[in-house]
C-alpha atoms as a PDB file:
ATOM      1  CA  UNK A   1      94.651 109.515  43.900  1.00  0.00           C
ATOM      2  CA  UNK A   2      93.450 106.576  41.830  1.00  0.00           C
ATOM      3  CA  UNK A   3      93.448 107.008  38.065  1.00  0.00           C
ATOM      4  CA  UNK A   4      90.523 105.642  36.107  1.00  0.00           C
ATOM      5  CA  UNK A   5      91.965 103.785  33.105  1.00  0.00           C
ATOM      6  CA  UNK A   6      88.716 102.020  32.347  1.00  0.00           C
ATOM      7  CA  UNK A   7      87.319 102.129  28.848  1.00  0.00           C
ATOM      8  CA  UNK A   8      84.401 104.482  28.294  1.00  0.00           C
ATOM      9  CA  UNK A   9      81.041 102.809  27.690  1.00  0.00           C
ATOM     10  CA  UNK A  10      81.128 103.607  23.939  1.00  0.00           C
ATOM     11  CA  UNK A  11      84.684 102.217  23.632  1.00  0.00           C
ATOM     12  CA  UNK A  12      83.698  99.087  25.591  1.00  0.00           C
ATOM     13  CA  UNK A  13      80.734  98.380  23.306  1.00  0.00           C
ATOM     14  CA  UNK A  14      82.649  99.164  20.103  1.00  0.00           C
ATOM     15  CA  UNK A  15      85.426  96.799  21.147  1.00  0.00           C
ATOM     16  CA  UNK A  16      82.794  94.097  21.673  1.00  0.00           C
ATOM     17  CA  UNK A  17      81.434  94.770  18.164  1.00  0.00           C
ATOM     18  CA  UNK A  18      84.928  94.108  16.792  1.00  0.00           C
ATOM     19  CA  UNK A  19      85.076  90.874  18.779  1.00  0.00           C
ATOM     20  CA  UNK A  20      81.691  89.840  17.347  1.00  0.00           C
ATOM     21  CA  UNK A  21      83.026  90.562  13.824  1.00  0.00           C
ATOM     22  CA  UNK A  22      85.588  87.796  14.318  1.00  0.00           C
ATOM     23  CA  UNK A  23      82.723  85.286  13.863  1.00  0.00           C
ATOM     24  CA  UNK A  24      82.022  86.620  10.345  1.00  0.00           C
ATOM     25  CA  UNK A  25      82.257  84.210   7.442  1.00  0.00           C
ATOM     26  CA  UNK A  26      82.393  86.919   4.767  1.00  0.00           C
ATOM     27  CA  UNK A  27      85.432  86.825   2.508  1.00  0.00           C
ATOM     28  CA  UNK A  28      85.328  90.562   1.706  1.00  0.00           C
ATOM     29  CA  UNK A  29      84.537  92.465   4.902  1.00  0.00           C
ATOM     30  CA  UNK A  30      84.130  91.258   8.488  1.00  0.00           C
ATOM     31  CA  UNK A  31      81.420  93.266  10.240  1.00  0.00           C
ATOM     32  CA  UNK A  32      80.115  93.021  13.773  1.00  0.00           C
ATOM     33  CA  UNK A  33      77.230  94.829  15.425  1.00  0.00           C
ATOM     34  CA  UNK A  34      75.608  94.934  18.834  1.00  0.00           C
ATOM     35  CA  UNK A  35      72.413  96.525  20.093  1.00  0.00           C
ATOM     36  CA  UNK A  36      72.615  98.246  23.476  1.00  0.00           C
ATOM     37  CA  UNK A  37      69.962  99.801  25.692  1.00  0.00           C
ATOM     38  CA  UNK A  38      70.729 101.332  29.087  1.00  0.00           C
ATOM     39  CA  UNK A  39      74.274  99.917  28.977  1.00  0.00           C
ATOM     40  CA  UNK A  40      72.966  96.381  28.457  1.00  0.00           C
ATOM     41  CA  UNK A  41      73.642  94.288  25.366  1.00  0.00           C
ATOM     42  CA  UNK A  42      70.364  93.218  23.776  1.00  0.00           C
ATOM     43  CA  UNK A  43      71.621  91.287  20.743  1.00  0.00           C
ATOM     44  CA  UNK A  44      74.695  90.732  18.608  1.00  0.00           C
ATOM     45  CA  UNK A  45      75.190  90.004  14.930  1.00  0.00           C
ATOM     46  CA  UNK A  46      77.892  89.444  12.361  1.00  0.00           C
ATOM     47  CA  UNK A  47      77.732  89.077   8.604  1.00  0.00           C
ATOM     48  CA  UNK A  48      77.456  85.622   7.097  1.00  0.00           C
ATOM     49  CA  UNK A  49      75.129  83.142   5.425  1.00  0.00           C
ATOM     50  CA  UNK A  50      71.820  82.176   7.066  1.00  0.00           C
ATOM     51  CA  UNK A  51      71.866  79.313   9.577  1.00  0.00           C
ATOM     52  CA  UNK A  52      72.139  75.900   7.940  1.00  0.00           C
ATOM     53  CA  UNK A  53      73.339  77.300   4.592  1.00  0.00           C
ATOM     54  CA  UNK A  54      76.938  76.883   3.401  1.00  0.00           C
ATOM     55  CA  UNK A  55      79.067  79.919   4.172  1.00  0.00           C
ATOM     56  CA  UNK A  56      81.131  81.886   1.674  1.00  0.00           C
ATOM     57  CA  UNK A  57      84.190  80.394   3.369  1.00  0.00           C
ATOM     58  CA  UNK A  58      83.001  77.032   1.976  1.00  0.00           C
ATOM     59  CA  UNK A  59      81.560  77.965  -1.429  1.00  0.00           C
ATOM     60  CA  UNK A  60      83.247  81.256  -2.321  1.00  0.00           C
ATOM     61  CA  UNK A  61      81.869  84.736  -2.888  1.00  0.00           C
ATOM     62  CA  UNK A  62      79.640  85.245  -5.934  1.00  0.00           C
ATOM     63  CA  UNK A  63      79.964  89.054  -5.746  1.00  0.00           C
ATOM     64  CA  UNK A  64      83.744  88.747  -5.745  1.00  0.00           C
ATOM     65  CA  UNK A  65      83.668  86.270  -8.640  1.00  0.00           C
ATOM     66  CA  UNK A  66      81.501  88.700 -10.643  1.00  0.00           C
ATOM     67  CA  UNK A  67      83.716  91.682  -9.774  1.00  0.00           C
ATOM     68  CA  UNK A  68      80.905  93.612  -8.089  1.00  0.00           C
ATOM     69  CA  UNK A  69      82.217  96.658  -6.174  1.00  0.00           C
ATOM     70  CA  UNK A  70      81.533  97.213  -2.502  1.00  0.00           C
ATOM     71  CA  UNK A  71      78.193  98.867  -1.851  1.00  0.00           C
ATOM     72  CA  UNK A  72      76.453  97.451  -4.922  1.00  0.00           C
ATOM     73  CA  UNK A  73      74.138  94.529  -5.713  1.00  0.00           C
ATOM     74  CA  UNK A  74      73.557  93.374  -2.124  1.00  0.00           C
ATOM     75  CA  UNK A  75      70.763  91.115  -3.382  1.00  0.00           C
ATOM     76  CA  UNK A  76      73.202  88.622  -4.913  1.00  0.00           C
ATOM     77  CA  UNK A  77      75.150  88.110  -1.718  1.00  0.00           C
ATOM     78  CA  UNK A  78      74.439  84.918   0.208  1.00  0.00           C
ATOM     79  CA  UNK A  79      75.259  86.682   3.472  1.00  0.00           C
ATOM     80  CA  UNK A  80      73.101  88.592   5.893  1.00  0.00           C
ATOM     81  CA  UNK A  81      74.537  91.864   7.170  1.00  0.00           C
ATOM     82  CA  UNK A  82      75.561  92.170  10.822  1.00  0.00           C
ATOM     83  CA  UNK A  83      72.884  94.803  11.482  1.00  0.00           C
ATOM     84  CA  UNK A  84      70.220  92.543   9.962  1.00  0.00           C
ATOM     85  CA  UNK A  85      71.373  89.696  12.192  1.00  0.00           C
ATOM     86  CA  UNK A  86      71.096  91.971  15.257  1.00  0.00           C
ATOM     87  CA  UNK A  87      67.490  92.740  14.296  1.00  0.00           C
ATOM     88  CA  UNK A  88      66.744  89.058  13.624  1.00  0.00           C
ATOM     89  CA  UNK A  89      68.282  87.886  16.906  1.00  0.00           C
ATOM     90  CA  UNK A  90      66.340  90.488  18.851  1.00  0.00           C
ATOM     91  CA  UNK A  91      63.102  89.461  17.101  1.00  0.00           C
ATOM     92  CA  UNK A  92      63.692  85.732  17.662  1.00  0.00           C
ATOM     93  CA  UNK A  93      64.067  86.411  21.384  1.00  0.00           C
ATOM     94  CA  UNK A  94      61.197  88.918  21.607  1.00  0.00           C
ATOM     95  CA  UNK A  95      63.389  91.936  22.321  1.00  0.00           C
ATOM     96  CA  UNK A  96      62.444  95.402  21.094  1.00  0.00           C
ATOM     97  CA  UNK A  97      65.202  97.620  19.704  1.00  0.00           C
ATOM     98  CA  UNK A  98      63.148 100.822  20.170  1.00  0.00           C
ATOM     99  CA  UNK A  99      65.398 103.446  21.724  1.00  0.00           C
ATOM    100  CA  UNK A 100      68.510 101.259  21.455  1.00  0.00           C
ATOM    101  CA  UNK A 101      71.944 102.239  20.229  1.00  0.00           C
ATOM    102  CA  UNK A 102      73.799 100.149  17.662  1.00  0.00           C
ATOM    103  CA  UNK A 103      77.571  99.767  17.789  1.00  0.00           C
ATOM    104  CA  UNK A 104      78.820  98.600  14.415  1.00  0.00           C
ATOM    105  CA  UNK A 105      82.288  98.156  12.988  1.00  0.00           C
ATOM    106  CA  UNK A 106      81.117  99.731   9.701  1.00  0.00           C
ATOM    107  CA  UNK A 107      78.482 102.241   8.643  1.00  0.00           C
ATOM    108  CA  UNK A 108      75.203 100.539   7.715  1.00  0.00           C
ATOM    109  CA  UNK A 109      74.266 100.249   4.042  1.00  0.00           C
ATOM    110  CA  UNK A 110      70.990 101.824   2.924  1.00  0.00           C
ATOM    111  CA  UNK A 111      69.060  98.564   3.393  1.00  0.00           C
ATOM    112  CA  UNK A 112      70.254  98.165   6.985  1.00  0.00           C
ATOM    113  CA  UNK A 113      69.786 101.874   7.683  1.00  0.00           C
ATOM    114  CA  UNK A 114      66.122 101.684   6.671  1.00  0.00           C
ATOM    115  CA  UNK A 115      65.586  98.619   8.853  1.00  0.00           C
ATOM    116  CA  UNK A 116      67.260 100.240  11.863  1.00  0.00           C
ATOM    117  CA  UNK A 117      65.181 103.406  11.384  1.00  0.00           C
ATOM    118  CA  UNK A 118      61.986 101.340  11.447  1.00  0.00           C
ATOM    119  CA  UNK A 119      63.152  99.462  14.570  1.00  0.00           C
ATOM    120  CA  UNK A 120      63.305 102.786  16.402  1.00  0.00           C
ATOM    121  CA  UNK A 121      67.067 102.816  16.934  1.00  0.00           C
ATOM    122  CA  UNK A 122      68.112 106.266  18.184  1.00  0.00           C
ATOM    123  CA  UNK A 123      71.892 106.262  17.677  1.00  0.00           C
ATOM    124  CA  UNK A 124      74.409 104.324  15.592  1.00  0.00           C
ATOM    125  CA  UNK A 125      78.086 104.268  16.513  1.00  0.00           C
ATOM    126  CA  UNK A 126      80.452 103.279  13.697  1.00  0.00           C
ATOM    127  CA  UNK A 127      84.191 102.732  13.516  1.00  0.00           C
ATOM    128  CA  UNK A 128      84.518 102.857   9.734  1.00  0.00           C
ATOM    129  CA  UNK A 129      82.582 104.462   6.903  1.00  0.00           C
ATOM    130  CA  UNK A 130      80.933 102.725   3.984  1.00  0.00           C
ATOM    131  CA  UNK A 131      80.398 104.134   0.482  1.00  0.00           C
ATOM    132  CA  UNK A 132      76.688 104.906   0.832  1.00  0.00           C
ATOM    133  CA  UNK A 133      75.680 108.564   1.133  1.00  0.00           C
ATOM    134  CA  UNK A 134      71.986 107.720   0.849  1.00  0.00           C
ATOM    135  CA  UNK A 135      72.298 105.743   4.091  1.00  0.00           C
ATOM    136  CA  UNK A 136      73.786 108.786   5.841  1.00  0.00           C
ATOM    137  CA  UNK A 137      71.087 111.046   4.395  1.00  0.00           C
ATOM    138  CA  UNK A 138      68.164 108.836   5.443  1.00  0.00           C
ATOM    139  CA  UNK A 139      69.530 108.306   8.948  1.00  0.00           C
ATOM    140  CA  UNK A 140      69.856 112.080   9.307  1.00  0.00           C
ATOM    141  CA  UNK A 141      66.338 112.684   7.975  1.00  0.00           C
ATOM    142  CA  UNK A 142      64.971 110.143  10.469  1.00  0.00           C
ATOM    143  CA  UNK A 143      66.786 111.801  13.364  1.00  0.00           C
ATOM    144  CA  UNK A 144      69.084 108.831  13.987  1.00  0.00           C
ATOM    145  CA  UNK A 145      72.407 110.127  15.247  1.00  0.00           C
ATOM    146  CA  UNK A 146      75.451 108.657  13.480  1.00  0.00           C
ATOM    147  CA  UNK A 147      78.642 108.895  15.536  1.00  0.00           C
ATOM    148  CA  UNK A 148      82.153 107.894  14.464  1.00  0.00           C
ATOM    149  CA  UNK A 149      84.299 106.119  17.053  1.00  0.00           C
ATOM    150  CA  UNK A 150      87.358 104.830  15.182  1.00  0.00           C
ATOM    151  CA  UNK A 151      88.866 101.509  16.224  1.00  0.00           C
ATOM    152  CA  UNK A 152      91.352 101.881  19.039  1.00  0.00           C
ATOM    153  CA  UNK A 153      90.606 105.564  19.665  1.00  0.00           C
ATOM    154  CA  UNK A 154      88.769 106.953  22.657  1.00  0.00           C
ATOM    155  CA  UNK A 155      87.287 110.068  21.068  1.00  0.00           C
ATOM    156  CA  UNK A 156      84.044 110.098  19.138  1.00  0.00           C
ATOM    157  CA  UNK A 157      82.937 112.644  16.558  1.00  0.00           C
ATOM    158  CA  UNK A 158      79.851 113.410  14.543  1.00  0.00           C
ATOM    159  CA  UNK A 159      79.648 111.481  11.311  1.00  0.00           C
ATOM    160  CA  UNK A 160      81.993 112.584   8.598  1.00  0.00           C
ATOM    161  CA  UNK A 161      81.257 112.038   4.913  1.00  0.00           C
ATOM    162  CA  UNK A 162      82.505 108.770   3.489  1.00  0.00           C
ATOM    163  CA  UNK A 163      85.081 109.197   0.772  1.00  0.00           C
ATOM    164  CA  UNK A 164      83.848 107.766  -2.508  1.00  0.00           C
ATOM    165  CA  UNK A 165      85.966 105.879  -4.965  1.00  0.00           C
ATOM    166  CA  UNK A 166      83.855 104.514  -7.843  1.00  0.00           C
ATOM    167  CA  UNK A 167      80.045 104.869  -8.410  1.00  0.00           C
ATOM    168  CA  UNK A 168      77.955 107.194 -10.553  1.00  0.00           C
ATOM    169  CA  UNK A 169      79.288 110.034  -8.394  1.00  0.00           C
ATOM    170  CA  UNK A 170      82.798 108.786  -9.028  1.00  0.00           C
ATOM    171  CA  UNK A 171      82.644 105.970  -6.471  1.00  0.00           C
ATOM    172  CA  UNK A 172      81.353 102.459  -5.826  1.00  0.00           C
ATOM    173  CA  UNK A 173      78.281 103.508  -3.839  1.00  0.00           C
ATOM    174  CA  UNK A 174      74.578 103.766  -4.486  1.00  0.00           C
ATOM    175  CA  UNK A 175      74.292 107.387  -3.377  1.00  0.00           C
ATOM    176  CA  UNK A 176      72.296 108.634  -6.338  1.00  0.00           C
ATOM    177  CA  UNK A 177      74.335 111.823  -6.481  1.00  0.00           C
ATOM    178  CA  UNK A 178      75.183 111.276 -10.173  1.00  0.00           C
ATOM    179  CA  UNK A 179      78.630 112.871 -10.221  1.00  0.00           C
ATOM    180  CA  UNK A 180      77.903 115.536  -7.594  1.00  0.00           C
ATOM    181  CA  UNK A 181      80.232 114.175  -4.904  1.00  0.00           C
END
């Protein structure tokens, strides 16, 4: 009898997301994302500065220089998130993401979550959490399934709460829970 040692489809796509993350030019967190529909890759994205603009690797990280914690003040980052780049690449090539699944090395922030909801994404697979409970809440409210598939593991599970470490709720997130975590 022949044993099937092939990677599952979710593992295959998550591993590709980690490969995509290797193109990241972010100094703080390398993130990769891919959009998949019917087992076909529609678009890929990693975090980094817009095309034609110097990358953080060249000019440094303003958020790091200012001591801004993870999950806060996204507007002063010169980079575009991996999920945003997936959406942009799909749009540039005229590809709809309606009904697609996203495989991302990290949980989307609230900004990316809202964009993915409006694109009609139905499921998001993540390997690692991110300190943003509002993102989790909005994805749930919109009926977007969030599934955890840790790096290097074959088993997936429903999303688990992200552990917080320094915002108003006692962590560095923008959850709005005000100390209720």
